[in-house]
Amino acid sequence: MLTAKSDISAENVDWWFMYKLPHNIGPSSQKTTGNEYLYYQSCGEQPLALSPYRLGTGENGALYHTLKQLFPSDDANIGWINYNDEYPYSMTADDFAKDVKPAFYGENVREKDRNHPIDNAHNGHCKGTLAFDLTSNTAFWLSHSTPRIPGLNLDNDMQYFYPEYAYQYAQTFICISLEDVSTADKIAAVLAEQHEPQVFGVHLPEAVTQDSQYANLWRLAQGINPPAYTKSFAEHHPQKAPADIEFKSKAGKIFRLIAKSGAWYDDFWINLVGPKLGVDLRVETWRRLTSTANLPTEDKGDSPSDYGKQDFVTTYKGREYHHEFVDRDGQDIVDEITNVDLQMIADSEGNQLTGFNWPYTKDHAKWAISEEKDDRGNTDIEDEQPEQDAWVCIADMNRMSSQEKRGGGAICFHETLLWQGLNEIERISGKIT
């Protein structure tokens, strides 16, 4: 039986969420090492709080307990499909997907790339593991933001599934126990069609074939080779419609998967997620300006850049960043979070995490919450965010122009207590600490 496993007791849970803290934040005497994390699980009784465990340090914690069900496993009826836009360095040629030609860097490259697998930049910007057990008709989906995991062919339980190189930036994880294997197959169809992920380290039961009831799992496991979604490609191919599907967890909780391919040619958060949910969003994603990856705008050359009335600019390494954008209909707004502050969050002993804060420049997570209505001038609402408005989205995609040509998605759901926790820690201001 495969399910998400809880943080402390390793019991079966319907789903869990983790937010890993970045390295070297907090009061001078309590600086983080970068493997601490906030944890929330599906019972809905405990708020978002700091876990007593740390990633990658031993046989403990939700991530370890969940992935340990797979590695190693000799059960012929258990299958899994890993995907990550950055291959683990420890991969061998045997770990590549069947339809993907193995390729490794040689010696005539920078030292950190030598003899490592070569990533396909046209695959989706997405990371995760889809696992299933045909015997018990159970499955889970782990979606996260950490490059090069799970590592393969390593000792010490694959470094307990979290490597030290990933300590630097904040990261997010969500793991959902799925209703059944058919639900995993439904998700696999969207992953193959929209995300187009870089697949590796696959294990399939013999019953999962091209002609079986799990044909989408089989298709995804073969590997995806998308075209280069360049400007030239867009000029000769129509826009590909995105996906918006509902699926259920084992306990019946409804999740929405909103996803797009590189052939959608538009801003994921402003033109897809916000309008689909019908809410204004506050978004935390990786944002770095380069010569080829700029901040997206809504004008497409037809009008001035359409920033919101409360927009402001911050500067990082000499480049400017705007932080409020509106969709092309002028209806929905995306505010980009500039800081995360944990002063309202407690540790496992109930102590407040005062002084633990960081700017978006230390955050590699991808998440969003619906904005409180009173932030838009409507004060005729109750103090608490109603359940139907308390959207939480855990995603693959950043708000960068470079990702308009890559596939990815967001898992969105209602969860008032988790929404409250994330709403308490996000900050939108012109200050970068």
Foldseek 3Di string as FASTA:
>chain_A
DAAQAAFAPRHHAQKKKKKWAAFQFAPPVDTDLQFWIWIDGDVLPDFTFTEPDGALDACGTRVLSRCVVVVPDPDLQKWKKWFAQAAAQQDDQQFAFQQDHWDAADDPDPPVRHRGTDGDLLAFLWTWMWMAGPVVQKIKIKTKQFHHPPHPPDPPSSSSTDDSVRRHFMMMMMMGIFQGVLLSLVVLQQCVPFRQTRITRIRHRPQADCPHSSNSVVVVRNHGDDDQLDPVVLVVDPADDWDWDWGATNVGFIKIKTKGFLRNLDFPVAPTPCVVLVFAKEKQAQDDDDPVKDFDFACPPPDPGAFDPPWDWEDDPRDIDIAKHHHPVRRYIYGYFFKFAQQVHYHPVRHGRHRGMATSNRHHFIKMWGDDPVVVVDPPDDPADDQSRTKIKGWSDDRISSNSSGMIIIIIHGRRSNSVNRVVTTDHDRDGD
